Structure formats: structure tokens, C-alpha cells
Amino acid sequence: MFICDMKRLSAVLPGTIIFIMIAGCAVNNNSLNVRDLADCLAMHGVKIEYIRPLEPAMLYADSAMELGVSGRHIAAYYFNIDLKAQKKRIEKIKKNKYVFIMGLKFPAIVRGSYVLVNVNPNPQKHKIIAAFDKFKME
């Protein structure tokens, strides 16, 4: 009986592990909004000083906001990946790891449907990135 259970376990276990790994890597936050992102950052210890609307057209995004963190500005852009054109744009940003805004090149971080810009010079960079990594639909 023990050998039979071990055979069944060894057949199921690899598939289960692969499924868990894939599910853990996928960031699905397309149904969340930019305010949810700000709440997630704050919940994970990032002190947000202010939130302002930001023009999303700079990156052809669906919506955007500016966050004040440690006296610096961070831009957060949402791309609706259900739309083919926006999905293509965010995939390009993810591949290049930068965006151009008004002719200036900025490093960009992509997680799911969201892009953060201007995180590198922030003193809370590591805390921001760690919180951004957790921003997904649970």
C-alpha cells in the first residue's frame, strides 16, 4: 500500500510543483486600479506623502498617478492588458526596462499591468520594489 501511494505521489508531485511555480510567478493585477497600488505600497511600509493624478498619455497608458515618496516623485502607469495595443506597449517596456518621457530616458519596472518610473533615485527603492512585487491579485 505504501509503495502504491508513493507511485501516485511521484506522478502527481512534479505537476503540482510546476503549477505552483507558474502561479507564483504570474502577476495578475489587471483588475486593480492605481489607488490599489498606492494602498499596497503603504501597507508594505512605503510612506506615501501625496498622490496626484498624472497624464497617462505620456506612455499611452490607460491611467496614471504620481506618488511622493521620500521627497521624490514616482510615476505609476496602468496598462489594460485586455487591449491588444496596451499589452504590446507594456511588453515592450518590460523587455527594454526603460521608457522615454519628453525625450528623457527613465528606467522602468513592470509588474503585471503596472509600470513604475523613477524608482531608482529614491532612498526607499528596495522597499518600493519589494512592495511592488507583492502587488497582485490574491
N, C-alpha and C. Protein backbone atom coordinates (compact mmCIF):
# COMPACT_ATOMS: atom_id res chain seq x y z
N MET A 1 0.83 -1.19 0.00
CA MET A 1 0.00 0.00 0.00
C MET A 1 0.88 1.25 0.00
N PHE A 2 1.94 1.27 0.79
CA PHE A 2 2.84 2.42 0.85
C PHE A 2 3.51 2.67 -0.49
N ILE A 3 3.92 1.61 -1.18
CA ILE A 3 4.57 1.74 -2.49
C ILE A 3 3.59 2.31 -3.51
N CYS A 4 2.34 1.87 -3.47
CA CYS A 4 1.33 2.37 -4.40
C CYS A 4 1.12 3.88 -4.19
N ASP A 5 1.02 4.31 -2.95
CA ASP A 5 0.84 5.73 -2.64
C ASP A 5 2.06 6.53 -3.09
N MET A 6 3.25 5.98 -2.94
CA MET A 6 4.47 6.67 -3.36
C MET A 6 4.50 6.83 -4.88
N LYS A 7 4.03 5.81 -5.61
CA LYS A 7 3.99 5.91 -7.07
C LYS A 7 3.02 7.02 -7.49
N ARG A 8 1.87 7.05 -6.86
CA ARG A 8 0.88 8.07 -7.18
C ARG A 8 1.41 9.45 -6.82
N LEU A 9 2.05 9.57 -5.69
CA LEU A 9 2.62 10.85 -5.25
C LEU A 9 3.71 11.31 -6.20
N SER A 10 4.57 10.38 -6.62
CA SER A 10 5.65 10.77 -7.52
C SER A 10 5.12 11.14 -8.90
N ALA A 11 3.95 10.67 -9.27
CA ALA A 11 3.36 11.04 -10.56
C ALA A 11 2.69 12.41 -10.49
N VAL A 12 2.10 12.74 -9.36
CA VAL A 12 1.36 13.99 -9.21
C VAL A 12 2.25 15.14 -8.75
N LEU A 13 3.23 14.87 -7.95
CA LEU A 13 4.05 15.91 -7.34
C LEU A 13 4.75 16.84 -8.33
N PRO A 14 5.41 16.34 -9.38
CA PRO A 14 6.08 17.26 -10.30
C PRO A 14 5.12 18.25 -10.97
N GLY A 15 3.94 17.78 -11.38
CA GLY A 15 2.96 18.67 -11.99
C GLY A 15 2.46 19.71 -11.02
N THR A 16 2.26 19.32 -9.78
CA THR A 16 1.81 20.26 -8.76
C THR A 16 2.86 21.32 -8.49
N ILE A 17 4.10 20.93 -8.41
CA ILE A 17 5.19 21.88 -8.17
C ILE A 17 5.29 22.87 -9.33
N ILE A 18 5.21 22.39 -10.55
CA ILE A 18 5.28 23.28 -11.72
C ILE A 18 4.11 24.25 -11.70
N PHE A 19 2.91 23.77 -11.39
CA PHE A 19 1.74 24.65 -11.34
C PHE A 19 1.92 25.75 -10.30
N ILE A 20 2.40 25.40 -9.13
CA ILE A 20 2.62 26.38 -8.06
C ILE A 20 3.67 27.40 -8.48
N MET A 21 4.74 26.94 -9.13
CA MET A 21 5.79 27.86 -9.56
C MET A 21 5.25 28.84 -10.60
N ILE A 22 4.48 28.34 -11.56
CA ILE A 22 3.92 29.22 -12.60
C ILE A 22 2.93 30.19 -11.99
N ALA A 23 2.07 29.71 -11.11
CA ALA A 23 1.09 30.59 -10.48
C ALA A 23 1.77 31.65 -9.63
N GLY A 24 2.85 31.30 -8.96
CA GLY A 24 3.56 32.26 -8.12
C GLY A 24 4.29 33.32 -8.91
N CYS A 25 4.69 33.02 -10.13
CA CYS A 25 5.42 33.97 -10.96
C CYS A 25 4.50 34.90 -11.72
N ALA A 26 3.29 34.48 -11.97
CA ALA A 26 2.37 35.30 -12.75
C ALA A 26 1.80 36.41 -11.88
N VAL A 27 1.90 37.61 -12.37
CA VAL A 27 1.34 38.75 -11.64
C VAL A 27 0.10 39.19 -12.40
N ASN A 28 -1.06 38.95 -11.81
CA ASN A 28 -2.30 39.33 -12.45
C ASN A 28 -2.94 40.44 -11.64
N ASN A 29 -2.68 41.67 -12.01
CA ASN A 29 -3.25 42.80 -11.30
C ASN A 29 -4.01 43.72 -12.26
N ASN A 30 -4.43 43.18 -13.39
CA ASN A 30 -5.11 43.98 -14.40
C ASN A 30 -6.44 44.55 -13.91
N SER A 31 -7.10 43.86 -12.98
CA SER A 31 -8.40 44.34 -12.48
C SER A 31 -8.25 45.35 -11.34
N LEU A 32 -7.03 45.59 -10.90
CA LEU A 32 -6.80 46.55 -9.81
C LEU A 32 -6.54 47.93 -10.40
N ASN A 33 -6.75 48.97 -9.58
CA ASN A 33 -6.53 50.33 -10.08
C ASN A 33 -5.31 50.97 -9.41
N VAL A 34 -4.95 52.14 -9.88
CA VAL A 34 -3.74 52.79 -9.38
C VAL A 34 -3.84 53.12 -7.89
N ARG A 35 -5.04 53.35 -7.40
CA ARG A 35 -5.21 53.60 -5.96
C ARG A 35 -4.90 52.33 -5.16
N ASP A 36 -5.25 51.18 -5.72
CA ASP A 36 -4.91 49.90 -5.08
C ASP A 36 -3.39 49.74 -4.97
N LEU A 37 -2.69 50.21 -5.99
CA LEU A 37 -1.22 50.16 -5.95
C LEU A 37 -0.69 51.02 -4.80
N ALA A 38 -1.20 52.23 -4.67
CA ALA A 38 -0.76 53.11 -3.58
C ALA A 38 -1.06 52.48 -2.23
N ASP A 39 -2.22 51.87 -2.10
CA ASP A 39 -2.58 51.20 -0.84
C ASP A 39 -1.65 50.04 -0.54
N CYS A 40 -1.29 49.28 -1.56
CA CYS A 40 -0.38 48.15 -1.39
C CYS A 40 1.00 48.63 -0.93
N LEU A 41 1.50 49.67 -1.57
CA LEU A 41 2.81 50.21 -1.18
C LEU A 41 2.78 50.65 0.28
N ALA A 42 1.73 51.40 0.65
CA ALA A 42 1.61 51.89 2.03
C ALA A 42 1.50 50.74 3.02
N MET A 43 0.73 49.72 2.65
CA MET A 43 0.54 48.56 3.53
C MET A 43 1.85 47.81 3.78
N HIS A 44 2.78 47.91 2.84
CA HIS A 44 4.06 47.22 2.98
C HIS A 44 5.18 48.16 3.42
N GLY A 45 4.82 49.27 4.05
CA GLY A 45 5.81 50.11 4.71
C GLY A 45 6.38 51.27 3.92
N VAL A 46 5.87 51.53 2.71
CA VAL A 46 6.33 52.68 1.94
C VAL A 46 5.51 53.89 2.37
N LYS A 47 6.18 54.90 2.92
CA LYS A 47 5.46 56.10 3.38
C LYS A 47 5.18 57.00 2.18
N ILE A 48 3.91 57.11 1.83
CA ILE A 48 3.49 57.92 0.70
C ILE A 48 3.08 59.29 1.22
N GLU A 49 3.74 60.33 0.73
CA GLU A 49 3.49 61.68 1.19
C GLU A 49 2.32 62.33 0.46
N TYR A 50 2.12 62.00 -0.80
CA TYR A 50 0.99 62.53 -1.56
C TYR A 50 0.73 61.65 -2.78
N ILE A 51 -0.47 61.80 -3.31
CA ILE A 51 -0.86 61.12 -4.55
C ILE A 51 -1.52 62.18 -5.43
N ARG A 52 -1.07 62.27 -6.67
CA ARG A 52 -1.64 63.21 -7.62
C ARG A 52 -1.95 62.49 -8.93
N PRO A 53 -2.99 62.95 -9.61
CA PRO A 53 -3.24 62.38 -10.94
C PRO A 53 -2.10 62.75 -11.88
N LEU A 54 -1.84 61.89 -12.82
CA LEU A 54 -0.77 62.10 -13.79
C LEU A 54 -1.34 61.78 -15.17
N GLU A 55 -0.89 62.50 -16.17
CA GLU A 55 -1.38 62.31 -17.53
C GLU A 55 -0.87 60.96 -18.07
N PRO A 56 -1.77 60.01 -18.32
CA PRO A 56 -1.33 58.70 -18.81
C PRO A 56 -0.87 58.71 -20.27
N ALA A 57 -1.23 59.74 -21.01
CA ALA A 57 -0.91 59.79 -22.44
C ALA A 57 0.60 59.84 -22.70
N MET A 58 1.38 60.23 -21.70
CA MET A 58 2.84 60.27 -21.87
C MET A 58 3.39 58.93 -22.33
N LEU A 59 2.80 57.85 -21.80
CA LEU A 59 3.23 56.50 -22.18
C LEU A 59 2.12 55.73 -22.90
N TYR A 60 1.06 56.42 -23.28
CA TYR A 60 -0.09 55.80 -23.92
C TYR A 60 -0.72 54.75 -23.01
N ALA A 61 -0.75 55.06 -21.72
CA ALA A 61 -1.32 54.16 -20.72
C ALA A 61 -2.80 54.45 -20.55
N ASP A 62 -3.47 53.61 -19.78
CA ASP A 62 -4.89 53.78 -19.50
C ASP A 62 -5.11 54.79 -18.39
N SER A 63 -4.26 54.74 -17.35
CA SER A 63 -4.34 55.70 -16.25
C SER A 63 -2.97 55.80 -15.59
N ALA A 64 -2.81 56.85 -14.79
CA ALA A 64 -1.51 57.07 -14.15
C ALA A 64 -1.66 57.95 -12.92
N MET A 65 -0.67 57.88 -12.04
CA MET A 65 -0.63 58.75 -10.87
C MET A 65 0.82 59.00 -10.49
N GLU A 66 1.00 60.10 -9.78
CA GLU A 66 2.32 60.43 -9.25
C GLU A 66 2.26 60.23 -7.74
N LEU A 67 3.28 59.58 -7.21
CA LEU A 67 3.38 59.34 -5.77
C LEU A 67 4.58 60.10 -5.23
N GLY A 68 4.39 60.73 -4.10
CA GLY A 68 5.51 61.35 -3.42
C GLY A 68 6.03 60.40 -2.36
N VAL A 69 7.28 60.00 -2.50
CA VAL A 69 7.90 59.08 -1.54
C VAL A 69 9.30 59.62 -1.23
N SER A 70 9.56 59.89 0.03
CA SER A 70 10.86 60.40 0.48
C SER A 70 11.24 61.70 -0.24
N GLY A 71 10.26 62.56 -0.45
CA GLY A 71 10.52 63.84 -1.09
C GLY A 71 10.80 63.75 -2.58
N ARG A 72 10.55 62.60 -3.18
CA ARG A 72 10.80 62.40 -4.60
C ARG A 72 9.52 61.94 -5.29
N HIS A 73 9.51 62.05 -6.60
CA HIS A 73 8.34 61.68 -7.39
C HIS A 73 8.53 60.31 -8.02
N ILE A 74 7.49 59.50 -7.93
CA ILE A 74 7.45 58.21 -8.62
C ILE A 74 6.20 58.22 -9.48
N ALA A 75 6.34 57.80 -10.72
CA ALA A 75 5.19 57.72 -11.61
C ALA A 75 4.74 56.27 -11.72
N ALA A 76 3.44 56.06 -11.61
CA ALA A 76 2.85 54.73 -11.74
C ALA A 76 1.86 54.76 -12.90
N TYR A 77 2.04 53.86 -13.86
CA TYR A 77 1.19 53.80 -15.04
C TYR A 77 0.49 52.45 -15.10
N TYR A 78 -0.81 52.49 -15.45
CA TYR A 78 -1.60 51.27 -15.61
C TYR A 78 -1.90 51.07 -17.10
N PHE A 79 -1.62 49.85 -17.57
CA PHE A 79 -1.92 49.46 -18.94
C PHE A 79 -2.94 48.34 -18.89
N ASN A 80 -4.07 48.53 -19.56
CA ASN A 80 -5.10 47.50 -19.60
C ASN A 80 -4.66 46.43 -20.60
N ILE A 81 -4.15 45.33 -20.10
CA ILE A 81 -3.60 44.30 -20.98
C ILE A 81 -4.68 43.49 -21.71
N ASP A 82 -5.94 43.79 -21.43
CA ASP A 82 -7.01 43.18 -22.22
C ASP A 82 -7.09 43.84 -23.60
N LEU A 83 -6.49 45.02 -23.72
CA LEU A 83 -6.45 45.73 -25.00
C LEU A 83 -5.13 45.41 -25.70
N LYS A 84 -5.21 44.96 -26.92
CA LYS A 84 -4.03 44.48 -27.65
C LYS A 84 -2.92 45.54 -27.72
N ALA A 85 -3.28 46.78 -28.03
CA ALA A 85 -2.27 47.84 -28.18
C ALA A 85 -1.55 48.12 -26.86
N GLN A 86 -2.30 48.15 -25.75
CA GLN A 86 -1.67 48.41 -24.46
C GLN A 86 -0.84 47.22 -23.99
N LYS A 87 -1.28 46.03 -24.28
CA LYS A 87 -0.50 44.85 -23.93
C LYS A 87 0.84 44.87 -24.67
N LYS A 88 0.80 45.25 -25.94
CA LYS A 88 2.01 45.33 -26.75
C LYS A 88 2.96 46.40 -26.19
N ARG A 89 2.42 47.55 -25.76
CA ARG A 89 3.25 48.62 -25.20
C ARG A 89 3.95 48.18 -23.92
N ILE A 90 3.20 47.56 -23.01
CA ILE A 90 3.80 47.19 -21.73
C ILE A 90 4.82 46.06 -21.92
N GLU A 91 4.59 45.18 -22.87
CA GLU A 91 5.57 44.13 -23.14
C GLU A 91 6.87 44.73 -23.66
N LYS A 92 6.76 45.77 -24.46
CA LYS A 92 7.97 46.46 -24.97
C LYS A 92 8.71 47.14 -23.82
N ILE A 93 7.98 47.77 -22.92
CA ILE A 93 8.61 48.42 -21.76
C ILE A 93 9.29 47.37 -20.89
N LYS A 94 8.62 46.25 -20.68
CA LYS A 94 9.20 45.18 -19.86
C LYS A 94 10.48 44.65 -20.48
N LYS A 95 10.49 44.50 -21.78
CA LYS A 95 11.67 44.00 -22.48
C LYS A 95 12.82 45.01 -22.42
N ASN A 96 12.53 46.28 -22.68
CA ASN A 96 13.56 47.32 -22.71
C ASN A 96 14.01 47.80 -21.33
N LYS A 97 13.12 47.71 -20.34
CA LYS A 97 13.38 48.16 -18.97
C LYS A 97 13.59 49.68 -18.87
N TYR A 98 13.02 50.41 -19.81
CA TYR A 98 13.06 51.87 -19.74
C TYR A 98 11.91 52.44 -20.57
N VAL A 99 11.64 53.74 -20.32
CA VAL A 99 10.66 54.50 -21.10
C VAL A 99 11.26 55.86 -21.43
N PHE A 100 10.74 56.47 -22.46
CA PHE A 100 11.11 57.83 -22.78
C PHE A 100 9.94 58.74 -22.43
N ILE A 101 10.21 59.76 -21.63
CA ILE A 101 9.22 60.76 -21.27
C ILE A 101 9.80 62.12 -21.62
N MET A 102 9.13 62.80 -22.55
CA MET A 102 9.59 64.10 -23.02
C MET A 102 11.05 64.06 -23.47
N GLY A 103 11.40 62.98 -24.14
CA GLY A 103 12.74 62.84 -24.70
C GLY A 103 13.81 62.36 -23.73
N LEU A 104 13.44 62.17 -22.47
CA LEU A 104 14.40 61.69 -21.47
C LEU A 104 14.15 60.21 -21.18
N LYS A 105 15.23 59.46 -21.03
CA LYS A 105 15.16 58.02 -20.78
C LYS A 105 15.11 57.76 -19.28
N PHE A 106 14.10 56.99 -18.85
CA PHE A 106 13.94 56.64 -17.44
C PHE A 106 13.87 55.12 -17.28
N PRO A 107 14.56 54.56 -16.30
CA PRO A 107 14.39 53.14 -16.01
C PRO A 107 12.95 52.87 -15.58
N ALA A 108 12.42 51.73 -15.99
CA ALA A 108 11.05 51.37 -15.67
C ALA A 108 11.00 49.94 -15.13
N ILE A 109 10.10 49.74 -14.18
CA ILE A 109 9.90 48.42 -13.57
C ILE A 109 8.47 48.00 -13.89
N VAL A 110 8.31 46.80 -14.42
CA VAL A 110 6.99 46.30 -14.81
C VAL A 110 6.61 45.12 -13.94
N ARG A 111 5.38 45.16 -13.44
CA ARG A 111 4.79 44.03 -12.73
C ARG A 111 3.34 43.93 -13.20
N GLY A 112 3.04 42.89 -13.93
CA GLY A 112 1.68 42.71 -14.42
C GLY A 112 1.29 43.84 -15.36
N SER A 113 0.24 44.57 -15.02
CA SER A 113 -0.28 45.65 -15.84
C SER A 113 0.27 47.02 -15.46
N TYR A 114 1.23 47.05 -14.54
CA TYR A 114 1.71 48.33 -14.00
C TYR A 114 3.19 48.57 -14.27
N VAL A 115 3.50 49.85 -14.45
CA VAL A 115 4.87 50.28 -14.67
C VAL A 115 5.18 51.37 -13.64
N LEU A 116 6.30 51.23 -12.95
CA LEU A 116 6.80 52.28 -12.06
C LEU A 116 8.02 52.92 -12.71
N VAL A 117 8.04 54.24 -12.69
CA VAL A 117 9.13 55.01 -13.28
C VAL A 117 9.71 55.93 -12.22
N ASN A 118 11.00 56.10 -12.25
CA ASN A 118 11.74 56.99 -11.35
C ASN A 118 11.89 56.43 -9.94
N VAL A 119 12.00 55.12 -9.84
CA VAL A 119 12.19 54.47 -8.54
C VAL A 119 13.66 54.47 -8.14
N ASN A 120 14.56 54.32 -9.10
CA ASN A 120 15.99 54.17 -8.80
C ASN A 120 16.59 55.23 -7.90
N PRO A 121 16.29 56.53 -8.10
CA PRO A 121 16.93 57.52 -7.23
C PRO A 121 16.29 57.66 -5.84
N ASN A 122 15.24 56.90 -5.59
CA ASN A 122 14.53 57.04 -4.32
C ASN A 122 15.24 56.30 -3.19
N PRO A 123 15.38 56.94 -2.01
CA PRO A 123 16.02 56.27 -0.88
C PRO A 123 15.29 55.00 -0.42
N GLN A 124 13.99 54.91 -0.71
CA GLN A 124 13.21 53.72 -0.34
C GLN A 124 13.08 52.73 -1.50
N LYS A 125 13.99 52.80 -2.44
CA LYS A 125 13.94 51.98 -3.66
C LYS A 125 13.66 50.50 -3.35
N HIS A 126 14.42 49.92 -2.46
CA HIS A 126 14.29 48.48 -2.19
C HIS A 126 12.94 48.16 -1.55
N LYS A 127 12.47 49.02 -0.68
CA LYS A 127 11.17 48.82 -0.04
C LYS A 127 10.04 48.97 -1.08
N ILE A 128 10.19 49.93 -1.99
CA ILE A 128 9.19 50.15 -3.04
C ILE A 128 9.11 48.93 -3.95
N ILE A 129 10.27 48.45 -4.38
CA ILE A 129 10.30 47.29 -5.29
C ILE A 129 9.75 46.05 -4.60
N ALA A 130 10.09 45.84 -3.33
CA ALA A 130 9.59 44.68 -2.60
C ALA A 130 8.06 44.74 -2.48
N ALA A 131 7.52 45.91 -2.21
CA ALA A 131 6.06 46.06 -2.13
C ALA A 131 5.42 45.89 -3.50
N PHE A 132 6.06 46.43 -4.53
CA PHE A 132 5.54 46.32 -5.90
C PHE A 132 5.50 44.86 -6.33
N ASP A 133 6.45 44.06 -5.90
CA ASP A 133 6.48 42.64 -6.21
C ASP A 133 5.26 41.92 -5.61
N LYS A 134 4.72 42.46 -4.53
CA LYS A 134 3.57 41.83 -3.87
C LYS A 134 2.24 42.33 -4.41
N PHE A 135 2.29 43.31 -5.30
CA PHE A 135 1.07 43.90 -5.84
C PHE A 135 0.49 43.02 -6.93
N LYS A 136 -0.37 42.14 -6.52
CA LYS A 136 -1.05 41.25 -7.46
C LYS A 136 -2.37 40.84 -6.88
N MET A 137 -3.20 40.32 -7.70
CA MET A 137 -4.50 39.88 -7.24
C MET A 137 -4.32 38.56 -6.49
N GLU A 138 -4.70 38.55 -5.25
CA GLU A 138 -4.55 37.35 -4.41
C GLU A 138 -5.70 36.38 -4.68
